[in-house]
Amino acid sequence: MSVFAVPGAYDRAITVFSPDGRLFQVEYALETVYRGSTIVGIMCPEGVVVGAEEKIESKLQNPKFSQKIYEVDEHIGAAVVGLSSDARVLIDEARIFAQSSRLMYDEPVDVEMVAKRIGDIKQMYTQHGGVRPFGVSIIFAGVDKGGSQLFTTDPSGTYRAYKAVAIGIGREVAENILKEEYRDDLTLEEAIRLGVKCLLKSMQARGEQPRIKIAVVPVSTRRFRLLTDEEIEKYIREVQGS
């Protein structure tokens, strides 16, 4: 008898492994992430940068509203890819955890602890019947007592640390740029330009008009800030002119 899974035989129950050791519902959730709008995260000695492609569904939609970038705490930002509804719930959990930690210990929470907490919640939803995995990956970026920090979580509950990372439909284009141009000694300005370039090139490769959101947490202030549309347009012009 074949050790490989029969299509459709093991993909209806989240708690059942296939004979070749796979959890199909987790893999389907990952596929939702891979098909989502691209997000990037970049860390450097001067701070961290997160960016995202923002798609406008209608001409009547408010373009200033961001569905992909969130402030978790004053020193932590997040970019999400996948199901926005799932992301919203997890971001709320991250905010509650960050505030509870601040009240309990009277200091800002470490970025890794937030990533681990959300990873723990995601992992729980891979072990119980009657639920489904969260169809979202999140980049957590911030500045804590250890300096600049960058972590990702995926639907399986895994969390990892990165210097620079891209997730979503344009990740291949963005990762190629990051591998070629990332340096450990980037300035914050250079990191912003690199993030803009990754998103710009990934959208151009698919023939889409650029609509980008960028947020930063500088080491100097340790405060999350979403860049204005005018600032982002300036960086786009610089990237296109280089």
C-alpha atoms as a PDB file:
ATOM      1  CA  MET A   1       0.000   0.000   0.000  1.00  0.00           C
ATOM      2  CA  SER A   2       1.289   3.465  -0.867  1.00  0.00           C
ATOM      3  CA  VAL A   3       2.571   5.607   2.000  1.00  0.00           C
ATOM      4  CA  PHE A   4       1.477   8.772   0.213  1.00  0.00           C
ATOM      5  CA  ALA A   5      -1.793  10.506   1.011  1.00  0.00           C
ATOM      6  CA  VAL A   6      -4.847   9.972  -1.159  1.00  0.00           C
ATOM      7  CA  PRO A   7      -6.157  13.390  -2.286  1.00  0.00           C
ATOM      8  CA  GLY A   8      -9.169  14.381  -0.197  1.00  0.00           C
ATOM      9  CA  ALA A   9      -8.698  11.612   2.378  1.00  0.00           C
ATOM     10  CA  TYR A  10      -6.915  13.601   5.095  1.00  0.00           C
ATOM     11  CA  ASP A  11      -7.822  17.223   4.378  1.00  0.00           C
ATOM     12  CA  ARG A  12     -11.105  17.465   6.291  1.00  0.00           C
ATOM     13  CA  ALA A  13      -9.841  17.051   9.854  1.00  0.00           C
ATOM     14  CA  ILE A  14      -7.288  19.470  11.275  1.00  0.00           C
ATOM     15  CA  THR A  15      -6.034  16.977  13.896  1.00  0.00           C
ATOM     16  CA  VAL A  16      -5.268  14.047  11.533  1.00  0.00           C
ATOM     17  CA  PHE A  17      -1.824  13.584  10.020  1.00  0.00           C
ATOM     18  CA  SER A  18      -1.621  12.023   6.574  1.00  0.00           C
ATOM     19  CA  PRO A  19       0.565   8.896   6.188  1.00  0.00           C
ATOM     20  CA  ASP A  20       3.388  11.064   4.838  1.00  0.00           C
ATOM     21  CA  GLY A  21       3.270  13.339   7.900  1.00  0.00           C
ATOM     22  CA  ARG A  22       1.310  16.322   6.599  1.00  0.00           C
ATOM     23  CA  LEU A  23      -1.492  18.452   8.033  1.00  0.00           C
ATOM     24  CA  PHE A  24      -3.364  19.510   4.932  1.00  0.00           C
ATOM     25  CA  GLN A  25      -5.469  22.228   6.583  1.00  0.00           C
ATOM     26  CA  VAL A  26      -2.278  23.950   7.767  1.00  0.00           C
ATOM     27  CA  GLU A  27      -0.854  23.700   4.251  1.00  0.00           C
ATOM     28  CA  TYR A  28      -4.059  25.208   2.825  1.00  0.00           C
ATOM     29  CA  ALA A  29      -3.765  28.094   5.308  1.00  0.00           C
ATOM     30  CA  LEU A  30      -0.165  28.632   4.178  1.00  0.00           C
ATOM     31  CA  GLU A  31      -1.369  28.742   0.570  1.00  0.00           C
ATOM     32  CA  THR A  32      -3.766  31.546   1.534  1.00  0.00           C
ATOM     33  CA  VAL A  33      -0.761  33.442   2.879  1.00  0.00           C
ATOM     34  CA  TYR A  34       1.368  32.799  -0.221  1.00  0.00           C
ATOM     35  CA  ARG A  35      -1.379  34.218  -2.468  1.00  0.00           C
ATOM     36  CA  GLY A  36      -1.868  37.363  -0.390  1.00  0.00           C
ATOM     37  CA  SER A  37      -0.496  40.850  -1.045  1.00  0.00           C
ATOM     38  CA  THR A  38       3.241  41.095  -0.403  1.00  0.00           C
ATOM     39  CA  ILE A  39       4.623  42.357   2.914  1.00  0.00           C
ATOM     40  CA  VAL A  40       8.255  43.021   3.846  1.00  0.00           C
ATOM     41  CA  GLY A  41      10.230  43.620   7.011  1.00  0.00           C
ATOM     42  CA  ILE A  42      13.778  44.954   7.312  1.00  0.00           C
ATOM     43  CA  MET A  43      15.890  45.602  10.408  1.00  0.00           C
ATOM     44  CA  CYS A  44      19.017  47.719  10.695  1.00  0.00           C
ATOM     45  CA  PRO A  45      21.053  49.281  13.514  1.00  0.00           C
ATOM     46  CA  GLU A  46      18.945  52.476  13.346  1.00  0.00           C
ATOM     47  CA  GLY A  47      15.547  50.750  13.573  1.00  0.00           C
ATOM     48  CA  VAL A  48      13.049  48.573  11.719  1.00  0.00           C
ATOM     49  CA  VAL A  49      10.870  48.981   8.640  1.00  0.00           C
ATOM     50  CA  VAL A  50       7.666  47.165   7.671  1.00  0.00           C
ATOM     51  CA  GLY A  51       5.887  47.629   4.363  1.00  0.00           C
ATOM     52  CA  ALA A  52       2.887  46.223   2.532  1.00  0.00           C
ATOM     53  CA  GLU A  53       1.054  46.324  -0.766  1.00  0.00           C
ATOM     54  CA  GLU A  54      -2.358  47.897  -0.177  1.00  0.00           C
ATOM     55  CA  LYS A  55      -5.026  47.041  -2.721  1.00  0.00           C
ATOM     56  CA  ILE A  56      -8.017  49.314  -3.272  1.00  0.00           C
ATOM     57  CA  GLU A  57     -11.188  47.305  -3.932  1.00  0.00           C
ATOM     58  CA  SER A  58     -13.285  50.285  -5.005  1.00  0.00           C
ATOM     59  CA  LYS A  59     -12.883  53.912  -6.052  1.00  0.00           C
ATOM     60  CA  LEU A  60     -15.124  54.756  -3.102  1.00  0.00           C
ATOM     61  CA  GLN A  61     -12.776  53.141  -0.565  1.00  0.00           C
ATOM     62  CA  ASN A  62     -10.800  55.486   1.706  1.00  0.00           C
ATOM     63  CA  PRO A  63      -7.161  55.117   0.548  1.00  0.00           C
ATOM     64  CA  LYS A  64      -5.798  56.353   3.891  1.00  0.00           C
ATOM     65  CA  PHE A  65      -7.189  53.316   5.731  1.00  0.00           C
ATOM     66  CA  SER A  66      -4.572  50.569   6.185  1.00  0.00           C
ATOM     67  CA  GLN A  67      -5.571  46.894   6.321  1.00  0.00           C
ATOM     68  CA  LYS A  68      -2.037  45.503   6.309  1.00  0.00           C
ATOM     69  CA  ILE A  69       0.025  47.538   8.795  1.00  0.00           C
ATOM     70  CA  TYR A  70      -0.828  47.951  12.483  1.00  0.00           C
ATOM     71  CA  GLU A  71       0.620  49.477  15.620  1.00  0.00           C
ATOM     72  CA  VAL A  72       0.840  46.779  18.311  1.00  0.00           C
ATOM     73  CA  ASP A  73       2.500  48.917  20.995  1.00  0.00           C
ATOM     74  CA  GLU A  74       4.304  52.241  20.753  1.00  0.00           C
ATOM     75  CA  HIS A  75       7.578  50.366  20.046  1.00  0.00           C
ATOM     76  CA  ILE A  76       6.195  47.512  17.885  1.00  0.00           C
ATOM     77  CA  GLY A  77       4.602  47.497  14.441  1.00  0.00           C
ATOM     78  CA  ALA A  78       3.170  44.611  12.429  1.00  0.00           C
ATOM     79  CA  ALA A  79       2.451  43.787   8.793  1.00  0.00           C
ATOM     80  CA  VAL A  80      -0.039  41.041   7.904  1.00  0.00           C
ATOM     81  CA  VAL A  81      -0.751  38.861   4.871  1.00  0.00           C
ATOM     82  CA  GLY A  82      -3.653  36.461   4.372  1.00  0.00           C
ATOM     83  CA  LEU A  83      -7.168  36.778   5.758  1.00  0.00           C
ATOM     84  CA  SER A  84      -7.551  40.305   7.127  1.00  0.00           C
ATOM     85  CA  SER A  85     -10.300  39.207   9.528  1.00  0.00           C
ATOM     86  CA  ASP A  86      -8.026  36.591  11.101  1.00  0.00           C
ATOM     87  CA  ALA A  87      -5.226  39.147  11.286  1.00  0.00           C
ATOM     88  CA  ARG A  88      -7.406  41.683  13.077  1.00  0.00           C
ATOM     89  CA  VAL A  89      -8.244  39.211  15.854  1.00  0.00           C
ATOM     90  CA  LEU A  90      -4.600  38.243  16.339  1.00  0.00           C
ATOM     91  CA  ILE A  91      -3.430  41.870  16.336  1.00  0.00           C
ATOM     92  CA  ASP A  92      -5.955  42.583  19.098  1.00  0.00           C
ATOM     93  CA  GLU A  93      -4.526  39.648  21.066  1.00  0.00           C
ATOM     94  CA  ALA A  94      -1.007  40.999  20.544  1.00  0.00           C
ATOM     95  CA  ARG A  95      -2.062  44.451  21.749  1.00  0.00           C
ATOM     96  CA  ILE A  96      -3.711  43.039  24.874  1.00  0.00           C
ATOM     97  CA  PHE A  97      -0.620  40.943  25.630  1.00  0.00           C
ATOM     98  CA  ALA A  98       1.678  43.949  25.164  1.00  0.00           C
ATOM     99  CA  GLN A  99      -0.415  46.169  27.432  1.00  0.00           C
ATOM    100  CA  SER A 100      -0.825  43.464  30.095  1.00  0.00           C
ATOM    101  CA  SER A 101       2.926  42.916  30.130  1.00  0.00           C
ATOM    102  CA  ARG A 102       3.569  46.649  30.471  1.00  0.00           C
ATOM    103  CA  LEU A 103       1.144  46.897  33.421  1.00  0.00           C
ATOM    104  CA  MET A 104       2.575  43.813  35.109  1.00  0.00           C
ATOM    105  CA  TYR A 105       6.312  44.476  34.652  1.00  0.00           C
ATOM    106  CA  ASP A 106       6.305  48.273  34.181  1.00  0.00           C
ATOM    107  CA  GLU A 107       8.410  48.025  31.009  1.00  0.00           C
ATOM    108  CA  PRO A 108       7.781  47.547  27.281  1.00  0.00           C
ATOM    109  CA  VAL A 109       7.367  43.931  26.210  1.00  0.00           C
ATOM    110  CA  ASP A 110      10.095  42.283  24.110  1.00  0.00           C
ATOM    111  CA  VAL A 111       9.196  41.860  20.445  1.00  0.00           C
ATOM    112  CA  GLU A 112      10.007  38.133  20.601  1.00  0.00           C
ATOM    113  CA  MET A 113       7.542  37.590  23.433  1.00  0.00           C
ATOM    114  CA  VAL A 114       4.728  39.065  21.337  1.00  0.00           C
ATOM    115  CA  ALA A 115       5.669  36.870  18.367  1.00  0.00           C
ATOM    116  CA  LYS A 116       5.815  33.796  20.622  1.00  0.00           C
ATOM    117  CA  ARG A 117       2.422  34.588  22.167  1.00  0.00           C
ATOM    118  CA  ILE A 118       0.750  34.843  18.749  1.00  0.00           C
ATOM    119  CA  GLY A 119       2.599  31.719  17.598  1.00  0.00           C
ATOM    120  CA  ASP A 120       1.226  29.856  20.640  1.00  0.00           C
ATOM    121  CA  ILE A 121      -2.339  30.912  19.786  1.00  0.00           C
ATOM    122  CA  LYS A 122      -1.917  29.828  16.166  1.00  0.00           C
ATOM    123  CA  GLN A 123      -0.459  26.483  17.217  1.00  0.00           C
ATOM    124  CA  MET A 124      -3.458  25.778  19.480  1.00  0.00           C
ATOM    125  CA  TYR A 125      -5.715  26.053  16.436  1.00  0.00           C
ATOM    126  CA  THR A 126      -3.882  23.161  14.762  1.00  0.00           C
ATOM    127  CA  GLN A 127      -4.619  20.680  17.581  1.00  0.00           C
ATOM    128  CA  HIS A 128      -8.357  20.838  18.186  1.00  0.00           C
ATOM    129  CA  GLY A 129     -11.297  19.493  16.214  1.00  0.00           C
ATOM    130  CA  GLY A 130     -14.024  21.879  15.096  1.00  0.00           C
ATOM    131  CA  VAL A 131     -11.615  24.763  14.395  1.00  0.00           C
ATOM    132  CA  ARG A 132      -9.423  25.807  11.501  1.00  0.00           C
ATOM    133  CA  PRO A 133      -5.934  27.332  11.406  1.00  0.00           C
ATOM    134  CA  PHE A 134      -5.535  31.092  11.192  1.00  0.00           C
ATOM    135  CA  GLY A 135      -4.971  31.915   7.524  1.00  0.00           C
ATOM    136  CA  VAL A 136      -2.508  34.694   8.174  1.00  0.00           C
ATOM    137  CA  SER A 137       1.218  35.350   8.612  1.00  0.00           C
ATOM    138  CA  ILE A 138       2.427  38.346  10.584  1.00  0.00           C
ATOM    139  CA  ILE A 139       5.723  40.239  10.632  1.00  0.00           C
ATOM    140  CA  PHE A 140       6.395  41.784  14.051  1.00  0.00           C
ATOM    141  CA  ALA A 141       9.049  44.511  13.982  1.00  0.00           C
ATOM    142  CA  GLY A 142      10.139  46.752  16.801  1.00  0.00           C
ATOM    143  CA  VAL A 143      12.846  48.099  19.057  1.00  0.00           C
ATOM    144  CA  ASP A 144      13.273  46.730  22.576  1.00  0.00           C
ATOM    145  CA  LYS A 145      16.120  46.513  25.101  1.00  0.00           C
ATOM    146  CA  GLY A 146      17.951  44.195  22.673  1.00  0.00           C
ATOM    147  CA  GLY A 147      17.810  46.741  19.853  1.00  0.00           C
ATOM    148  CA  SER A 148      16.088  46.250  16.491  1.00  0.00           C
ATOM    149  CA  GLN A 149      14.050  43.035  16.265  1.00  0.00           C
ATOM    150  CA  LEU A 150      12.196  41.297  13.413  1.00  0.00           C
ATOM    151  CA  PHE A 151      10.063  38.147  13.745  1.00  0.00           C
ATOM    152  CA  THR A 152       7.516  36.296  11.616  1.00  0.00           C
ATOM    153  CA  THR A 153       4.736  33.878  12.550  1.00  0.00           C
ATOM    154  CA  ASP A 154       2.943  31.498  10.160  1.00  0.00           C
ATOM    155  CA  PRO A 155      -0.324  29.490  10.343  1.00  0.00           C
ATOM    156  CA  SER A 156       1.433  26.462  11.861  1.00  0.00           C
ATOM    157  CA  GLY A 157       2.420  28.491  14.933  1.00  0.00           C
ATOM    158  CA  THR A 158       6.101  28.652  14.031  1.00  0.00           C
ATOM    159  CA  TYR A 159       7.911  31.930  14.703  1.00  0.00           C
ATOM    160  CA  ARG A 160      11.343  32.874  13.382  1.00  0.00           C
ATOM    161  CA  ALA A 161      13.775  35.796  13.593  1.00  0.00           C
ATOM    162  CA  TYR A 162      15.037  37.518  10.441  1.00  0.00           C
ATOM    163  CA  LYS A 163      17.258  40.385   9.350  1.00  0.00           C
ATOM    164  CA  ALA A 164      14.988  40.949   6.343  1.00  0.00           C
ATOM    165  CA  VAL A 165      11.994  38.990   5.064  1.00  0.00           C
ATOM    166  CA  ALA A 166       9.226  39.048   2.442  1.00  0.00           C
ATOM    167  CA  ILE A 167       5.959  37.092   2.508  1.00  0.00           C
ATOM    168  CA  GLY A 168       3.102  36.885   0.024  1.00  0.00           C
ATOM    169  CA  ILE A 169       2.549  36.577  -3.701  1.00  0.00           C
ATOM    170  CA  GLY A 170       5.563  38.724  -4.615  1.00  0.00           C
ATOM    171  CA  ARG A 171       7.980  37.165  -2.126  1.00  0.00           C
ATOM    172  CA  GLU A 172      10.251  35.652  -4.798  1.00  0.00           C
ATOM    173  CA  VAL A 173      10.931  39.018  -6.466  1.00  0.00           C
ATOM    174  CA  ALA A 174      11.301  40.771  -3.110  1.00  0.00           C
ATOM    175  CA  GLU A 175      13.578  38.100  -1.611  1.00  0.00           C
ATOM    176  CA  ASN A 176      15.905  38.253  -4.614  1.00  0.00           C
ATOM    177  CA  ILE A 177      16.293  42.003  -4.084  1.00  0.00           C
ATOM    178  CA  LEU A 178      16.832  41.561  -0.340  1.00  0.00           C
ATOM    179  CA  LYS A 179      19.479  38.872  -0.860  1.00  0.00           C
ATOM    180  CA  GLU A 180      21.370  41.106  -3.281  1.00  0.00           C
ATOM    181  CA  GLU A 181      21.080  44.464  -1.543  1.00  0.00           C
ATOM    182  CA  TYR A 182      20.620  43.889   2.200  1.00  0.00           C
ATOM    183  CA  ARG A 183      23.557  44.872   4.402  1.00  0.00           C
ATOM    184  CA  ASP A 184      23.962  44.668   8.163  1.00  0.00           C
ATOM    185  CA  ASP A 185      25.009  48.339   8.266  1.00  0.00           C
ATOM    186  CA  LEU A 186      22.029  49.842   6.400  1.00  0.00           C
ATOM    187  CA  THR A 187      20.815  53.211   7.622  1.00  0.00           C
ATOM    188  CA  LEU A 188      17.104  53.597   8.328  1.00  0.00           C
ATOM    189  CA  GLU A 189      16.712  55.712   5.185  1.00  0.00           C
ATOM    190  CA  GLU A 190      18.386  52.998   3.102  1.00  0.00           C
ATOM    191  CA  ALA A 191      16.187  50.329   4.701  1.00  0.00           C
ATOM    192  CA  ILE A 192      13.054  52.309   3.811  1.00  0.00           C
ATOM    193  CA  ARG A 193      14.210  52.681   0.207  1.00  0.00           C
ATOM    194  CA  LEU A 194      14.992  48.963   0.049  1.00  0.00           C
ATOM    195  CA  GLY A 195      11.534  48.080   1.377  1.00  0.00           C
ATOM    196  CA  VAL A 196       9.879  50.399  -1.135  1.00  0.00           C
ATOM    197  CA  LYS A 197      11.954  48.889  -3.949  1.00  0.00           C
ATOM    198  CA  CYS A 198      10.935  45.334  -2.996  1.00  0.00           C
ATOM    199  CA  LEU A 199       7.236  46.182  -3.009  1.00  0.00           C
ATOM    200  CA  LEU A 200       7.457  48.361  -6.118  1.00  0.00           C
ATOM    201  CA  LYS A 201       9.264  45.707  -8.171  1.00  0.00           C
ATOM    202  CA  SER A 202       6.973  42.895  -6.998  1.00  0.00           C
ATOM    203  CA  MET A 203       3.871  44.854  -8.050  1.00  0.00           C
ATOM    204  CA  GLN A 204       5.419  45.895 -11.370  1.00  0.00           C
ATOM    205  CA  ALA A 205       6.297  42.246 -12.097  1.00  0.00           C
ATOM    206  CA  ARG A 206       2.560  41.467 -11.889  1.00  0.00           C
ATOM    207  CA  GLY A 207       1.569  44.536 -13.919  1.00  0.00           C
ATOM    208  CA  GLU A 208      -0.117  46.278 -10.970  1.00  0.00           C
ATOM    209  CA  GLN A 209      -0.095  49.957 -10.073  1.00  0.00           C
ATOM    210  CA  PRO A 210       1.946  50.643  -6.927  1.00  0.00           C
ATOM    211  CA  ARG A 211       0.056  51.383  -3.732  1.00  0.00           C
ATOM    212  CA  ILE A 212       2.347  50.981  -0.765  1.00  0.00           C
ATOM    213  CA  LYS A 213       2.224  51.564   2.982  1.00  0.00           C
ATOM    214  CA  ILE A 214       5.407  51.851   5.051  1.00  0.00           C
ATOM    215  CA  ALA A 215       5.921  52.128   8.815  1.00  0.00           C
ATOM    216  CA  VAL A 216       9.088  52.544  10.875  1.00  0.00           C
ATOM    217  CA  VAL A 217      10.225  52.226  14.475  1.00  0.00           C
ATOM    218  CA  PRO A 218      13.502  54.173  14.876  1.00  0.00           C
ATOM    219  CA  VAL A 219      15.947  53.232  17.637  1.00  0.00           C
ATOM    220  CA  SER A 220      16.245  56.931  18.518  1.00  0.00           C
ATOM    221  CA  THR A 221      12.579  57.324  19.505  1.00  0.00           C
ATOM    222  CA  ARG A 222      11.331  53.712  19.873  1.00  0.00           C
ATOM    223  CA  ARG A 223       7.997  54.930  18.566  1.00  0.00           C
ATOM    224  CA  PHE A 224       5.960  53.431  15.742  1.00  0.00           C
ATOM    225  CA  ARG A 225       5.256  55.828  12.865  1.00  0.00           C
ATOM    226  CA  LEU A 226       3.298  55.264   9.661  1.00  0.00           C
ATOM    227  CA  LEU A 227       4.833  57.230   6.797  1.00  0.00           C
ATOM    228  CA  THR A 228       2.592  59.711   4.993  1.00  0.00           C
ATOM    229  CA  ASP A 229       1.585  59.180   1.365  1.00  0.00           C
ATOM    230  CA  GLU A 230       3.771  62.156   0.415  1.00  0.00           C
ATOM    231  CA  GLU A 231       6.836  60.582   2.068  1.00  0.00           C
ATOM    232  CA  ILE A 232       6.212  57.249   0.340  1.00  0.00           C
ATOM    233  CA  GLU A 233       5.790  58.974  -3.036  1.00  0.00           C
ATOM    234  CA  LYS A 234       9.187  60.613  -2.512  1.00  0.00           C
ATOM    235  CA  TYR A 235      10.826  57.227  -1.913  1.00  0.00           C
ATOM    236  CA  ILE A 236       9.052  55.730  -4.931  1.00  0.00           C
ATOM    237  CA  ARG A 237      10.413  58.515  -7.149  1.00  0.00           C
ATOM    238  CA  GLU A 238      13.916  57.953  -5.749  1.00  0.00           C
ATOM    239  CA  VAL A 239      13.728  54.206  -6.436  1.00  0.00           C
ATOM    240  CA  GLN A 240      12.331  54.706  -9.945  1.00  0.00           C
ATOM    241  CA  GLY A 241      15.020  57.289 -10.700  1.00  0.00           C
ATOM    242  CA  SER A 242      17.924  55.162  -9.512  1.00  0.00           C
END
